[in-house]
Amino acid sequence: MESLISDVDLATEQKFNRLKDEWRKDTLATSSVTKMSMHPAYQRIIGMGPAVIPLLLRELQTDPDHWFWALGVITEENPISEEDAGDIIKMSKAWLSWGKRNGLI
């Protein structure tokens, strides 16, 4: 896949990576998407706003995970079809296609 085109500053990327690592560590054994999405680190990532969209899309490119809630809240979009809901790979592809259409990839 193509690389993300982004102007994400180093401080934003470092904060995102710290919060992402905290979230992953704390939710590793969790299967509840609600618990994952409501985790304080995940909520702080959402609070970082549009600046993290390229970072979230990059995560979907390299290590698909449950970033869909965050992307939906930040962008107010949902490119995932009903038939693909629940399939992380297909959901990731839908968001990556969205990123391409919006010039982020």
C-alpha atoms as a PDB file:
ATOM      1  CA  MET A   1       0.000   0.000   0.000  1.00  0.00           C
ATOM      2  CA  GLU A   2       1.025   3.580  -0.497  1.00  0.00           C
ATOM      3  CA  SER A   3       2.457   5.626   2.342  1.00  0.00           C
ATOM      4  CA  LEU A   4       0.375   8.174   4.136  1.00  0.00           C
ATOM      5  CA  ILE A   5       0.880  11.774   3.199  1.00  0.00           C
ATOM      6  CA  SER A   6       0.750  13.711   6.425  1.00  0.00           C
ATOM      7  CA  ASP A   7       1.975  16.772   8.168  1.00  0.00           C
ATOM      8  CA  VAL A   8       1.750  15.185  11.611  1.00  0.00           C
ATOM      9  CA  ASP A   9       4.212  16.859  13.921  1.00  0.00           C
ATOM     10  CA  LEU A  10       6.588  14.836  16.058  1.00  0.00           C
ATOM     11  CA  ALA A  11       4.941  15.764  19.377  1.00  0.00           C
ATOM     12  CA  THR A  12       1.531  14.620  18.108  1.00  0.00           C
ATOM     13  CA  GLU A  13       2.972  11.360  16.810  1.00  0.00           C
ATOM     14  CA  GLN A  14       4.814  10.703  20.083  1.00  0.00           C
ATOM     15  CA  LYS A  15       1.697  11.370  22.167  1.00  0.00           C
ATOM     16  CA  PHE A  16      -0.378   9.149  19.878  1.00  0.00           C
ATOM     17  CA  ASN A  17       2.175   6.315  20.105  1.00  0.00           C
ATOM     18  CA  ARG A  18       2.296   6.570  23.901  1.00  0.00           C
ATOM     19  CA  LEU A  19      -1.496   6.462  24.190  1.00  0.00           C
ATOM     20  CA  LYS A  20      -1.762   3.684  21.582  1.00  0.00           C
ATOM     21  CA  ASP A  21       0.755   1.546  23.479  1.00  0.00           C
ATOM     22  CA  GLU A  22      -1.079   2.157  26.782  1.00  0.00           C
ATOM     23  CA  TRP A  23      -4.411   1.262  25.160  1.00  0.00           C
ATOM     24  CA  ARG A  24      -3.066  -1.923  23.577  1.00  0.00           C
ATOM     25  CA  LYS A  25      -1.395  -3.055  26.797  1.00  0.00           C
ATOM     26  CA  ASP A  26      -4.494  -2.419  28.903  1.00  0.00           C
ATOM     27  CA  THR A  27      -6.988  -3.967  26.460  1.00  0.00           C
ATOM     28  CA  LEU A  28      -4.947  -6.926  25.225  1.00  0.00           C
ATOM     29  CA  ALA A  29      -7.208  -9.481  26.905  1.00  0.00           C
ATOM     30  CA  THR A  30     -10.441  -7.567  26.185  1.00  0.00           C
ATOM     31  CA  SER A  31     -12.840  -8.755  23.508  1.00  0.00           C
ATOM     32  CA  SER A  32     -15.427  -6.040  24.189  1.00  0.00           C
ATOM     33  CA  VAL A  33     -15.214  -3.326  21.550  1.00  0.00           C
ATOM     34  CA  THR A  34     -17.141  -1.051  23.921  1.00  0.00           C
ATOM     35  CA  LYS A  35     -14.535  -1.494  26.674  1.00  0.00           C
ATOM     36  CA  MET A  36     -11.740  -0.957  24.158  1.00  0.00           C
ATOM     37  CA  SER A  37     -13.375   2.198  22.811  1.00  0.00           C
ATOM     38  CA  MET A  38     -14.150   3.630  26.228  1.00  0.00           C
ATOM     39  CA  HIS A  39     -10.617   3.119  27.574  1.00  0.00           C
ATOM     40  CA  PRO A  40      -9.172   6.469  28.753  1.00  0.00           C
ATOM     41  CA  ALA A  41      -6.172   6.306  26.376  1.00  0.00           C
ATOM     42  CA  TYR A  42      -8.463   5.609  23.394  1.00  0.00           C
ATOM     43  CA  GLN A  43     -10.679   8.513  24.420  1.00  0.00           C
ATOM     44  CA  ARG A  44      -7.629  10.796  24.675  1.00  0.00           C
ATOM     45  CA  ILE A  45      -6.642   9.731  21.146  1.00  0.00           C
ATOM     46  CA  ILE A  46     -10.114  10.762  19.951  1.00  0.00           C
ATOM     47  CA  GLY A  47      -9.646  14.034  21.823  1.00  0.00           C
ATOM     48  CA  MET A  48      -6.544  14.757  19.752  1.00  0.00           C
ATOM     49  CA  GLY A  49      -8.903  15.371  16.830  1.00  0.00           C
ATOM     50  CA  PRO A  50      -8.260  15.375  13.082  1.00  0.00           C
ATOM     51  CA  ALA A  51      -4.483  15.545  13.529  1.00  0.00           C
ATOM     52  CA  VAL A  52      -4.462  11.805  14.344  1.00  0.00           C
ATOM     53  CA  ILE A  53      -6.451  10.630  11.320  1.00  0.00           C
ATOM     54  CA  PRO A  54      -3.274   9.919   9.278  1.00  0.00           C
ATOM     55  CA  LEU A  55      -1.818   8.031  12.253  1.00  0.00           C
ATOM     56  CA  LEU A  56      -4.962   5.940  12.672  1.00  0.00           C
ATOM     57  CA  LEU A  57      -5.002   5.125   8.965  1.00  0.00           C
ATOM     58  CA  ARG A  58      -1.330   4.162   9.125  1.00  0.00           C
ATOM     59  CA  GLU A  59      -2.179   1.796  11.972  1.00  0.00           C
ATOM     60  CA  LEU A  60      -4.861   0.192   9.807  1.00  0.00           C
ATOM     61  CA  GLN A  61      -2.295  -0.239   7.029  1.00  0.00           C
ATOM     62  CA  THR A  62       0.327  -1.889   9.215  1.00  0.00           C
ATOM     63  CA  ASP A  63      -1.530  -3.504  12.139  1.00  0.00           C
ATOM     64  CA  PRO A  64      -5.335  -3.492  11.754  1.00  0.00           C
ATOM     65  CA  ASP A  65      -7.066  -2.989  15.078  1.00  0.00           C
ATOM     66  CA  HIS A  66     -10.245  -1.442  16.461  1.00  0.00           C
ATOM     67  CA  TRP A  67      -9.644   2.167  15.368  1.00  0.00           C
ATOM     68  CA  PHE A  68     -13.016   2.378  13.607  1.00  0.00           C
ATOM     69  CA  TRP A  69     -14.899   4.023  16.474  1.00  0.00           C
ATOM     70  CA  ALA A  70     -12.205   6.711  16.785  1.00  0.00           C
ATOM     71  CA  LEU A  71     -12.174   7.366  13.046  1.00  0.00           C
ATOM     72  CA  GLY A  72     -15.962   7.581  12.965  1.00  0.00           C
ATOM     73  CA  VAL A  73     -16.136  10.014  15.873  1.00  0.00           C
ATOM     74  CA  ILE A  74     -13.377  12.255  14.537  1.00  0.00           C
ATOM     75  CA  THR A  75     -14.478  12.268  10.882  1.00  0.00           C
ATOM     76  CA  GLU A  76     -18.245  11.882  11.348  1.00  0.00           C
ATOM     77  CA  GLU A  77     -18.050   9.303   8.542  1.00  0.00           C
ATOM     78  CA  ASN A  78     -18.667   5.562   8.305  1.00  0.00           C
ATOM     79  CA  PRO A  79     -17.452   3.984   5.064  1.00  0.00           C
ATOM     80  CA  ILE A  80     -18.047   0.427   6.340  1.00  0.00           C
ATOM     81  CA  SER A  81     -20.863  -1.476   4.656  1.00  0.00           C
ATOM     82  CA  GLU A  82     -23.259  -3.514   6.782  1.00  0.00           C
ATOM     83  CA  GLU A  83     -21.995  -6.704   5.173  1.00  0.00           C
ATOM     84  CA  ASP A  84     -18.390  -5.919   6.176  1.00  0.00           C
ATOM     85  CA  ALA A  85     -19.206  -4.945   9.771  1.00  0.00           C
ATOM     86  CA  GLY A  86     -17.366  -7.209  12.198  1.00  0.00           C
ATOM     87  CA  ASP A  87     -14.587  -8.177   9.763  1.00  0.00           C
ATOM     88  CA  ILE A  88     -11.519  -6.192  10.841  1.00  0.00           C
ATOM     89  CA  ILE A  89      -9.695  -6.674   7.541  1.00  0.00           C
ATOM     90  CA  LYS A  90     -12.657  -5.560   5.414  1.00  0.00           C
ATOM     91  CA  MET A  91     -13.408  -2.696   7.805  1.00  0.00           C
ATOM     92  CA  SER A  92      -9.779  -1.572   7.593  1.00  0.00           C
ATOM     93  CA  LYS A  93      -9.895  -1.720   3.785  1.00  0.00           C
ATOM     94  CA  ALA A  94     -13.049   0.420   3.791  1.00  0.00           C
ATOM     95  CA  TRP A  95     -11.354   3.080   5.911  1.00  0.00           C
ATOM     96  CA  LEU A  96      -8.184   2.940   3.823  1.00  0.00           C
ATOM     97  CA  SER A  97     -10.259   3.434   0.665  1.00  0.00           C
ATOM     98  CA  TRP A  98     -11.917   6.387   2.405  1.00  0.00           C
ATOM     99  CA  GLY A  99      -8.447   7.762   3.210  1.00  0.00           C
ATOM    100  CA  LYS A 100      -7.424   7.464  -0.439  1.00  0.00           C
ATOM    101  CA  ARG A 101     -10.602   9.196  -1.638  1.00  0.00           C
ATOM    102  CA  ASN A 102      -9.913  12.023   0.801  1.00  0.00           C
ATOM    103  CA  GLY A 103      -6.256  12.454  -0.154  1.00  0.00           C
ATOM    104  CA  LEU A 104      -4.840  11.089   3.085  1.00  0.00           C
ATOM    105  CA  ILE A 105      -3.170   8.061   1.539  1.00  0.00           C
END
